[in-house]
Amino acid sequence: MKTLYVSDLDGTLLRSNQKTSEFTNSTINNLVNKGMIFSYATARSLVTAKKVTSGIKAKIPLIVYNGAFVIDNITEEILIANYFDESVMSVLDELFANQIFPIVYAYIDGVEKFSFVPELCTDGMMKFLDSRKGDIRTNIVNKSDDLKSGDIFYITCIDEEGKLKPFYDKYKDRFHCVFQKDIYTGDQWLEIMPITASKSNAIIQLQKLLNCEKVISFGDGKNDIDMFKISDESYAVQNADDELKEYATAVISSNDEDGVAYWLEKNF
């Protein structure tokens, strides 16, 4: 029976220093060489995900942008893509009308970009953008309508909780929305993606692509619940949210103790 093993990244596969350990890197590289089918699923982009997992050299598919894409770790070929349709334009218009000017991710003329209007950014957005200085995807635009360019696949709003919550309530059934505080900064985020873009859907798509009969997943946050629900087995790290643990097959060692890698080494 072919099994697909999928781990969340931040708080799960990554240690608190936002990197995979040498032990995790070597364990995954060795087990993939022995035939393990492994992937990680993250809200991060390919660029930032590969930066924090640079020691993982194995040829594996990566689920990035919360499931908007599945991309080959080595060739960086897009294996699966989930874009918005035209309905995204009315979403952006409504956000603009309420003084919310997000960071918008899109392929523009075939090149991945994240666009923003510096003068309209919140403090939380600027903190995030400062952490991405030098990123080749940076696309500074002059006005909000310029945020509508290209094939859009991800919208990130970082603002006051009270300002964003009504839009989460409005869009959560029409799109895949994640409404949570950033685990590193405490800033409130609202991420809006196509309804087809989720960790769980990307896993199902990948499972079908790779002809795997079984899925085993690992996670730490409430946003991993949907992933756990479609898995045959699911394991929460010790530092995970208590609500996620209720959905887990079992609880394993924490991210800072390389819980996922030790479980894989023992059980693959």
C-alpha atoms as a PDB file:
ATOM      1  CA  MET A   1       0.000   0.000   0.000  1.00  0.00           C
ATOM      2  CA  LYS A   2       1.428   3.378  -1.060  1.00  0.00           C
ATOM      3  CA  THR A   3       1.207   6.014   1.670  1.00  0.00           C
ATOM      4  CA  LEU A   4       1.521   9.764   1.299  1.00  0.00           C
ATOM      5  CA  TYR A   5       3.056  11.431   4.372  1.00  0.00           C
ATOM      6  CA  VAL A   6       2.281  15.165   4.682  1.00  0.00           C
ATOM      7  CA  SER A   7       3.522  17.569   7.350  1.00  0.00           C
ATOM      8  CA  ASP A   8       2.608  21.146   8.132  1.00  0.00           C
ATOM      9  CA  LEU A   9       5.679  23.403   8.254  1.00  0.00           C
ATOM     10  CA  ASP A  10       5.620  26.234  10.844  1.00  0.00           C
ATOM     11  CA  GLY A  11       5.234  24.887  14.361  1.00  0.00           C
ATOM     12  CA  THR A  12       5.392  21.290  13.121  1.00  0.00           C
ATOM     13  CA  LEU A  13       8.302  20.354  10.868  1.00  0.00           C
ATOM     14  CA  LEU A  14      10.155  23.613  11.592  1.00  0.00           C
ATOM     15  CA  ARG A  15      11.663  24.276  14.978  1.00  0.00           C
ATOM     16  CA  SER A  16      10.874  27.540  16.781  1.00  0.00           C
ATOM     17  CA  ASN A  17      13.832  29.162  15.011  1.00  0.00           C
ATOM     18  CA  GLN A  18      11.868  28.728  11.753  1.00  0.00           C
ATOM     19  CA  LYS A  19      14.231  26.140  10.294  1.00  0.00           C
ATOM     20  CA  THR A  20      14.306  22.387   9.873  1.00  0.00           C
ATOM     21  CA  SER A  21      16.980  20.729  11.996  1.00  0.00           C
ATOM     22  CA  GLU A  22      19.891  18.710  10.646  1.00  0.00           C
ATOM     23  CA  PHE A  23      18.232  15.576  12.014  1.00  0.00           C
ATOM     24  CA  THR A  24      14.942  16.332  10.260  1.00  0.00           C
ATOM     25  CA  ASN A  25      16.741  17.103   6.991  1.00  0.00           C
ATOM     26  CA  SER A  26      18.827  13.942   6.993  1.00  0.00           C
ATOM     27  CA  THR A  27      15.910  11.755   8.108  1.00  0.00           C
ATOM     28  CA  ILE A  28      13.594  12.956   5.332  1.00  0.00           C
ATOM     29  CA  ASN A  29      16.326  12.833   2.679  1.00  0.00           C
ATOM     30  CA  ASN A  30      17.277   9.273   3.668  1.00  0.00           C
ATOM     31  CA  LEU A  31      13.708   7.967   3.930  1.00  0.00           C
ATOM     32  CA  VAL A  32      12.681   9.475   0.586  1.00  0.00           C
ATOM     33  CA  ASN A  33      15.709   7.768  -0.963  1.00  0.00           C
ATOM     34  CA  LYS A  34      14.345   4.536   0.513  1.00  0.00           C
ATOM     35  CA  GLY A  35      10.964   5.081  -1.089  1.00  0.00           C
ATOM     36  CA  MET A  36       8.942   7.230   1.313  1.00  0.00           C
ATOM     37  CA  ILE A  37       6.443   9.520  -0.433  1.00  0.00           C
ATOM     38  CA  PHE A  38       6.620  12.755   1.543  1.00  0.00           C
ATOM     39  CA  SER A  39       5.351  16.301   1.168  1.00  0.00           C
ATOM     40  CA  TYR A  40       4.929  19.320   3.361  1.00  0.00           C
ATOM     41  CA  ALA A  41       1.931  21.645   3.255  1.00  0.00           C
ATOM     42  CA  THR A  42       2.339  25.294   4.144  1.00  0.00           C
ATOM     43  CA  ALA A  43       0.859  28.763   3.776  1.00  0.00           C
ATOM     44  CA  ARG A  44       4.337  29.916   2.749  1.00  0.00           C
ATOM     45  CA  SER A  45       5.366  30.545  -0.848  1.00  0.00           C
ATOM     46  CA  LEU A  46       7.807  28.251  -2.623  1.00  0.00           C
ATOM     47  CA  VAL A  47      10.560  30.845  -2.133  1.00  0.00           C
ATOM     48  CA  THR A  48      10.200  31.201   1.640  1.00  0.00           C
ATOM     49  CA  ALA A  49       9.391  27.521   2.196  1.00  0.00           C
ATOM     50  CA  LYS A  50      12.561  26.379   0.443  1.00  0.00           C
ATOM     51  CA  LYS A  51      14.593  28.945   2.374  1.00  0.00           C
ATOM     52  CA  VAL A  52      13.622  27.456   5.761  1.00  0.00           C
ATOM     53  CA  THR A  53      13.900  23.842   4.536  1.00  0.00           C
ATOM     54  CA  SER A  54      17.105  24.276   2.547  1.00  0.00           C
ATOM     55  CA  GLY A  55      18.558  21.053   3.966  1.00  0.00           C
ATOM     56  CA  ILE A  56      15.783  18.943   2.423  1.00  0.00           C
ATOM     57  CA  LYS A  57      17.293  18.045  -0.940  1.00  0.00           C
ATOM     58  CA  ALA A  58      15.026  15.125  -1.801  1.00  0.00           C
ATOM     59  CA  LYS A  59      12.770  15.222  -4.856  1.00  0.00           C
ATOM     60  CA  ILE A  60       9.367  15.734  -3.256  1.00  0.00           C
ATOM     61  CA  PRO A  61       6.184  17.635  -4.158  1.00  0.00           C
ATOM     62  CA  LEU A  62       5.546  20.736  -2.037  1.00  0.00           C
ATOM     63  CA  ILE A  63       2.069  22.027  -1.173  1.00  0.00           C
ATOM     64  CA  VAL A  64       2.453  25.817  -0.901  1.00  0.00           C
ATOM     65  CA  TYR A  65       0.217  28.861  -0.452  1.00  0.00           C
ATOM     66  CA  ASN A  66      -2.201  26.770   1.647  1.00  0.00           C
ATOM     67  CA  GLY A  67      -2.846  24.454  -1.292  1.00  0.00           C
ATOM     68  CA  ALA A  68      -3.020  26.928  -4.174  1.00  0.00           C
ATOM     69  CA  PHE A  69      -0.101  25.080  -5.797  1.00  0.00           C
ATOM     70  CA  VAL A  70       1.740  21.785  -5.679  1.00  0.00           C
ATOM     71  CA  ILE A  71       5.284  22.296  -6.956  1.00  0.00           C
ATOM     72  CA  ASP A  72       8.230  19.944  -7.494  1.00  0.00           C
ATOM     73  CA  ASN A  73      10.973  20.641  -4.936  1.00  0.00           C
ATOM     74  CA  ILE A  74      13.812  20.140  -7.439  1.00  0.00           C
ATOM     75  CA  THR A  75      12.554  21.286 -10.846  1.00  0.00           C
ATOM     76  CA  GLU A  76      10.074  23.846  -9.388  1.00  0.00           C
ATOM     77  CA  GLU A  77       7.569  22.691 -11.995  1.00  0.00           C
ATOM     78  CA  ILE A  78       3.934  23.455 -11.070  1.00  0.00           C
ATOM     79  CA  LEU A  79       2.212  20.076 -10.756  1.00  0.00           C
ATOM     80  CA  ILE A  80      -1.210  21.343  -9.611  1.00  0.00           C
ATOM     81  CA  ALA A  81      -2.596  24.921  -9.717  1.00  0.00           C
ATOM     82  CA  ASN A  82      -5.734  26.506  -8.251  1.00  0.00           C
ATOM     83  CA  TYR A  83      -6.476  30.088  -9.403  1.00  0.00           C
ATOM     84  CA  PHE A  84      -9.386  32.466  -8.703  1.00  0.00           C
ATOM     85  CA  ASP A  85     -12.028  33.034 -11.356  1.00  0.00           C
ATOM     86  CA  GLU A  86     -13.401  36.497 -12.228  1.00  0.00           C
ATOM     87  CA  SER A  87     -15.364  36.682  -8.948  1.00  0.00           C
ATOM     88  CA  VAL A  88     -12.156  37.812  -7.225  1.00  0.00           C
ATOM     89  CA  MET A  89     -12.553  41.286  -8.756  1.00  0.00           C
ATOM     90  CA  SER A  90     -15.728  42.010  -6.764  1.00  0.00           C
ATOM     91  CA  VAL A  91     -13.965  40.806  -3.601  1.00  0.00           C
ATOM     92  CA  LEU A  92     -11.115  43.247  -4.161  1.00  0.00           C
ATOM     93  CA  ASP A  93     -13.554  46.089  -4.918  1.00  0.00           C
ATOM     94  CA  GLU A  94     -15.367  45.425  -1.655  1.00  0.00           C
ATOM     95  CA  LEU A  95     -12.130  45.322   0.347  1.00  0.00           C
ATOM     96  CA  PHE A  96     -10.979  48.594  -1.232  1.00  0.00           C
ATOM     97  CA  ALA A  97     -14.330  50.239  -0.447  1.00  0.00           C
ATOM     98  CA  ASN A  98     -13.745  49.383   3.226  1.00  0.00           C
ATOM     99  CA  GLN A  99     -10.183  50.718   3.301  1.00  0.00           C
ATOM    100  CA  ILE A 100      -8.564  47.276   3.225  1.00  0.00           C
ATOM    101  CA  PHE A 101      -5.740  47.117   0.696  1.00  0.00           C
ATOM    102  CA  PRO A 102      -4.231  43.630   0.683  1.00  0.00           C
ATOM    103  CA  ILE A 103      -1.077  42.034  -0.636  1.00  0.00           C
ATOM    104  CA  VAL A 104      -2.179  40.247  -3.815  1.00  0.00           C
ATOM    105  CA  TYR A 105      -0.327  37.244  -5.228  1.00  0.00           C
ATOM    106  CA  ALA A 106      -0.627  36.509  -8.937  1.00  0.00           C
ATOM    107  CA  TYR A 107       1.180  35.259 -12.001  1.00  0.00           C
ATOM    108  CA  ILE A 108       1.678  38.372 -14.141  1.00  0.00           C
ATOM    109  CA  ASP A 109       2.902  37.636 -17.678  1.00  0.00           C
ATOM    110  CA  GLY A 110       3.863  34.187 -16.461  1.00  0.00           C
ATOM    111  CA  VAL A 111       5.958  35.420 -13.532  1.00  0.00           C
ATOM    112  CA  GLU A 112       4.957  35.079  -9.866  1.00  0.00           C
ATOM    113  CA  LYS A 113       4.561  38.456  -8.115  1.00  0.00           C
ATOM    114  CA  PHE A 114       3.121  39.837  -4.899  1.00  0.00           C
ATOM    115  CA  SER A 115       1.714  43.339  -5.373  1.00  0.00           C
ATOM    116  CA  PHE A 116       1.031  46.075  -2.838  1.00  0.00           C
ATOM    117  CA  VAL A 117       0.614  49.847  -2.568  1.00  0.00           C
ATOM    118  CA  PRO A 118       3.190  51.024   0.034  1.00  0.00           C
ATOM    119  CA  GLU A 119       1.208  54.138   1.029  1.00  0.00           C
ATOM    120  CA  LEU A 120      -1.842  51.975   1.815  1.00  0.00           C
ATOM    121  CA  CYS A 121      -0.078  49.302   3.899  1.00  0.00           C
ATOM    122  CA  THR A 122      -0.829  48.771   7.602  1.00  0.00           C
ATOM    123  CA  ASP A 123       1.980  48.453  10.163  1.00  0.00           C
ATOM    124  CA  GLY A 124       1.452  44.693  10.177  1.00  0.00           C
ATOM    125  CA  MET A 125       1.802  44.553   6.411  1.00  0.00           C
ATOM    126  CA  MET A 126       4.995  46.601   6.539  1.00  0.00           C
ATOM    127  CA  LYS A 127       6.481  44.241   9.137  1.00  0.00           C
ATOM    128  CA  PHE A 128       5.700  41.318   6.859  1.00  0.00           C
ATOM    129  CA  LEU A 129       7.053  43.088   3.769  1.00  0.00           C
ATOM    130  CA  ASP A 130      10.233  44.101   5.624  1.00  0.00           C
ATOM    131  CA  SER A 131      10.855  40.398   6.236  1.00  0.00           C
ATOM    132  CA  ARG A 132      10.639  39.856   2.456  1.00  0.00           C
ATOM    133  CA  LYS A 133      13.077  42.585   1.410  1.00  0.00           C
ATOM    134  CA  GLY A 134      15.036  41.566  -1.677  1.00  0.00           C
ATOM    135  CA  ASP A 135      12.397  39.036  -2.733  1.00  0.00           C
ATOM    136  CA  ILE A 136      12.347  38.843  -6.536  1.00  0.00           C
ATOM    137  CA  ARG A 137       8.531  38.560  -6.483  1.00  0.00           C
ATOM    138  CA  THR A 138       8.118  42.091  -5.059  1.00  0.00           C
ATOM    139  CA  ASN A 139       5.832  44.237  -7.213  1.00  0.00           C
ATOM    140  CA  ILE A 140       5.220  47.780  -5.915  1.00  0.00           C
ATOM    141  CA  VAL A 141       2.192  49.421  -7.546  1.00  0.00           C
ATOM    142  CA  ASN A 142       0.826  52.962  -7.392  1.00  0.00           C
ATOM    143  CA  LYS A 143      -2.919  52.488  -6.906  1.00  0.00           C
ATOM    144  CA  SER A 144      -5.364  49.890  -5.658  1.00  0.00           C
ATOM    145  CA  ASP A 145      -6.713  48.999  -9.128  1.00  0.00           C
ATOM    146  CA  ASP A 146      -3.204  47.847 -10.068  1.00  0.00           C
ATOM    147  CA  LEU A 147      -3.657  45.023  -7.525  1.00  0.00           C
ATOM    148  CA  LYS A 148      -6.077  43.374  -9.961  1.00  0.00           C
ATOM    149  CA  SER A 149      -3.401  42.374 -12.496  1.00  0.00           C
ATOM    150  CA  GLY A 150      -2.603  38.840 -13.622  1.00  0.00           C
ATOM    151  CA  ASP A 151      -3.887  35.408 -12.646  1.00  0.00           C
ATOM    152  CA  ILE A 152      -4.634  35.886  -8.948  1.00  0.00           C
ATOM    153  CA  PHE A 153      -4.345  32.987  -6.532  1.00  0.00           C
ATOM    154  CA  TYR A 154      -3.899  34.446  -3.022  1.00  0.00           C
ATOM    155  CA  ILE A 155      -4.978  37.551  -1.095  1.00  0.00           C
ATOM    156  CA  THR A 156      -3.423  38.506   2.251  1.00  0.00           C
ATOM    157  CA  CYS A 157      -5.012  41.124   4.513  1.00  0.00           C
ATOM    158  CA  ILE A 158      -3.165  42.167   7.699  1.00  0.00           C
ATOM    159  CA  ASP A 159      -5.246  44.614   9.705  1.00  0.00           C
ATOM    160  CA  GLU A 160      -7.365  45.050  12.849  1.00  0.00           C
ATOM    161  CA  GLU A 161      -9.331  41.982  13.903  1.00  0.00           C
ATOM    162  CA  GLY A 162     -12.620  43.893  14.066  1.00  0.00           C
ATOM    163  CA  LYS A 163     -12.092  45.262  10.579  1.00  0.00           C
ATOM    164  CA  LEU A 164     -11.329  41.889   8.994  1.00  0.00           C
ATOM    165  CA  LYS A 165     -13.792  39.629  10.826  1.00  0.00           C
ATOM    166  CA  PRO A 166     -16.915  40.720   8.847  1.00  0.00           C
ATOM    167  CA  PHE A 167     -15.166  39.775   5.608  1.00  0.00           C
ATOM    168  CA  TYR A 168     -14.148  36.387   6.978  1.00  0.00           C
ATOM    169  CA  ASP A 169     -17.792  35.775   7.925  1.00  0.00           C
ATOM    170  CA  LYS A 170     -18.965  36.908   4.488  1.00  0.00           C
ATOM    171  CA  TYR A 171     -16.487  34.985   2.360  1.00  0.00           C
ATOM    172  CA  LYS A 172     -15.738  31.826   4.346  1.00  0.00           C
ATOM    173  CA  ASP A 173     -18.396  29.779   2.544  1.00  0.00           C
ATOM    174  CA  ARG A 174     -17.576  31.093  -0.948  1.00  0.00           C
ATOM    175  CA  PHE A 175     -13.792  30.901  -0.751  1.00  0.00           C
ATOM    176  CA  HIS A 176     -11.150  29.161   1.318  1.00  0.00           C
ATOM    177  CA  CYS A 177     -10.440  31.655   4.098  1.00  0.00           C
ATOM    178  CA  VAL A 178      -7.976  31.510   6.978  1.00  0.00           C
ATOM    179  CA  PHE A 179      -8.566  33.967   9.827  1.00  0.00           C
ATOM    180  CA  GLN A 180      -5.904  33.787  12.516  1.00  0.00           C
ATOM    181  CA  LYS A 181      -3.130  35.644  14.288  1.00  0.00           C
ATOM    182  CA  ASP A 182       0.397  35.155  12.999  1.00  0.00           C
ATOM    183  CA  ILE A 183       2.237  32.815  15.379  1.00  0.00           C
ATOM    184  CA  TYR A 184       5.394  34.961  15.263  1.00  0.00           C
ATOM    185  CA  THR A 185       4.082  38.558  15.355  1.00  0.00           C
ATOM    186  CA  GLY A 186       0.574  38.259  16.793  1.00  0.00           C
ATOM    187  CA  ASP A 187      -0.829  40.349  13.903  1.00  0.00           C
ATOM    188  CA  GLN A 188      -4.313  39.493  12.650  1.00  0.00           C
ATOM    189  CA  TRP A 189      -4.407  37.943   9.172  1.00  0.00           C
ATOM    190  CA  LEU A 190      -7.237  37.195   6.777  1.00  0.00           C
ATOM    191  CA  GLU A 191      -6.124  35.069   3.852  1.00  0.00           C
ATOM    192  CA  ILE A 192      -8.525  34.499   0.966  1.00  0.00           C
ATOM    193  CA  MET A 193      -7.948  31.781  -1.613  1.00  0.00           C
ATOM    194  CA  PRO A 194      -9.973  29.979  -4.278  1.00  0.00           C
ATOM    195  CA  ILE A 195     -12.372  27.455  -2.755  1.00  0.00           C
ATOM    196  CA  THR A 196     -10.310  24.699  -4.392  1.00  0.00           C
ATOM    197  CA  ALA A 197      -7.129  25.927  -2.691  1.00  0.00           C
ATOM    198  CA  SER A 198      -6.785  24.229   0.681  1.00  0.00           C
ATOM    199  CA  LYS A 199      -4.319  21.867   2.260  1.00  0.00           C
ATOM    200  CA  SER A 200      -6.929  19.109   2.297  1.00  0.00           C
ATOM    201  CA  ASN A 201      -7.911  19.531  -1.359  1.00  0.00           C
ATOM    202  CA  ALA A 202      -4.277  19.738  -2.488  1.00  0.00           C
ATOM    203  CA  ILE A 203      -3.537  16.533  -0.573  1.00  0.00           C
ATOM    204  CA  ILE A 204      -6.471  14.799  -2.259  1.00  0.00           C
ATOM    205  CA  GLN A 205      -5.273  16.046  -5.654  1.00  0.00           C
ATOM    206  CA  LEU A 206      -1.709  14.927  -4.908  1.00  0.00           C
ATOM    207  CA  GLN A 207      -2.848  11.575  -3.538  1.00  0.00           C
ATOM    208  CA  LYS A 208      -4.669  10.937  -6.814  1.00  0.00           C
ATOM    209  CA  LEU A 209      -1.707  12.120  -8.905  1.00  0.00           C
ATOM    210  CA  LEU A 210       0.687   9.785  -7.066  1.00  0.00           C
ATOM    211  CA  ASN A 211      -1.783   6.856  -6.780  1.00  0.00           C
ATOM    212  CA  CYS A 212      -1.464   6.628  -2.981  1.00  0.00           C
ATOM    213  CA  GLU A 213      -4.072   4.628  -1.075  1.00  0.00           C
ATOM    214  CA  LYS A 214      -3.369   6.146   2.350  1.00  0.00           C
ATOM    215  CA  VAL A 215      -2.570   9.568   3.848  1.00  0.00           C
ATOM    216  CA  ILE A 216      -0.781  10.220   7.143  1.00  0.00           C
ATOM    217  CA  SER A 217      -0.505  13.864   8.228  1.00  0.00           C
ATOM    218  CA  PHE A 218       1.191  15.973  10.920  1.00  0.00           C
ATOM    219  CA  GLY A 219       0.217  19.429  12.193  1.00  0.00           C
ATOM    220  CA  ASP A 220       0.010  21.959  15.012  1.00  0.00           C
ATOM    221  CA  GLY A 221      -2.718  24.528  14.294  1.00  0.00           C
ATOM    222  CA  LYS A 222      -6.465  24.865  13.855  1.00  0.00           C
ATOM    223  CA  ASN A 223      -5.882  25.422  10.146  1.00  0.00           C
ATOM    224  CA  ASP A 224      -4.663  21.796   9.982  1.00  0.00           C
ATOM    225  CA  ILE A 225      -8.054  20.408  11.040  1.00  0.00           C
ATOM    226  CA  ASP A 226      -9.271  20.001   7.458  1.00  0.00           C
ATOM    227  CA  MET A 227      -6.049  18.137   6.629  1.00  0.00           C
ATOM    228  CA  PHE A 228      -6.542  15.820   9.612  1.00  0.00           C
ATOM    229  CA  LYS A 229     -10.154  15.118   8.631  1.00  0.00           C
ATOM    230  CA  ILE A 230      -9.204  13.680   5.234  1.00  0.00           C
ATOM    231  CA  SER A 231      -6.211  11.691   6.554  1.00  0.00           C
ATOM    232  CA  ASP A 232      -6.264   8.007   7.458  1.00  0.00           C
ATOM    233  CA  GLU A 233      -3.976   8.794  10.400  1.00  0.00           C
ATOM    234  CA  SER A 234      -3.048  12.194  11.819  1.00  0.00           C
ATOM    235  CA  TYR A 235      -0.533  13.224  14.454  1.00  0.00           C
ATOM    236  CA  ALA A 236      -0.433  16.483  16.405  1.00  0.00           C
ATOM    237  CA  VAL A 237       2.890  17.670  17.799  1.00  0.00           C
ATOM    238  CA  GLN A 238       2.988  18.252  21.553  1.00  0.00           C
ATOM    239  CA  ASN A 239       2.947  22.042  21.094  1.00  0.00           C
ATOM    240  CA  ALA A 240      -0.201  21.879  18.934  1.00  0.00           C
ATOM    241  CA  ASP A 241      -3.455  23.708  19.569  1.00  0.00           C
ATOM    242  CA  ASP A 242      -5.680  21.731  21.946  1.00  0.00           C
ATOM    243  CA  GLU A 243      -8.550  21.772  19.439  1.00  0.00           C
ATOM    244  CA  LEU A 244      -6.385  20.105  16.779  1.00  0.00           C
ATOM    245  CA  LYS A 245      -5.346  17.398  19.247  1.00  0.00           C
ATOM    246  CA  GLU A 246      -8.993  16.333  19.476  1.00  0.00           C
ATOM    247  CA  TYR A 247      -8.843  15.308  15.809  1.00  0.00           C
ATOM    248  CA  ALA A 248      -5.473  13.525  16.062  1.00  0.00           C
ATOM    249  CA  THR A 249      -4.830   9.799  16.065  1.00  0.00           C
ATOM    250  CA  ALA A 250      -2.155  10.531  18.677  1.00  0.00           C
ATOM    251  CA  VAL A 251       0.095  13.282  20.015  1.00  0.00           C
ATOM    252  CA  ILE A 252       3.827  13.054  19.272  1.00  0.00           C
ATOM    253  CA  SER A 253       6.888  14.987  20.466  1.00  0.00           C
ATOM    254  CA  SER A 254       7.047  18.737  19.858  1.00  0.00           C
ATOM    255  CA  ASN A 255       8.474  20.562  16.858  1.00  0.00           C
ATOM    256  CA  ASP A 256      11.569  21.546  18.853  1.00  0.00           C
ATOM    257  CA  GLU A 257      12.130  17.848  19.617  1.00  0.00           C
ATOM    258  CA  ASP A 258      11.867  16.890  15.906  1.00  0.00           C
ATOM    259  CA  GLY A 259       8.696  14.959  16.627  1.00  0.00           C
ATOM    260  CA  VAL A 260       7.741  14.381  12.992  1.00  0.00           C
ATOM    261  CA  ALA A 261      11.182  13.148  11.938  1.00  0.00           C
ATOM    262  CA  TYR A 262      11.455  10.768  14.906  1.00  0.00           C
ATOM    263  CA  TRP A 263       7.977   9.392  14.183  1.00  0.00           C
ATOM    264  CA  LEU A 264       8.878   8.834  10.524  1.00  0.00           C
ATOM    265  CA  GLU A 265      12.192   7.200  11.403  1.00  0.00           C
ATOM    266  CA  LYS A 266      10.435   4.802  13.744  1.00  0.00           C
ATOM    267  CA  ASN A 267       7.316   4.040  11.722  1.00  0.00           C
ATOM    268  CA  PHE A 268       8.128   4.245   8.007  1.00  0.00           C
END
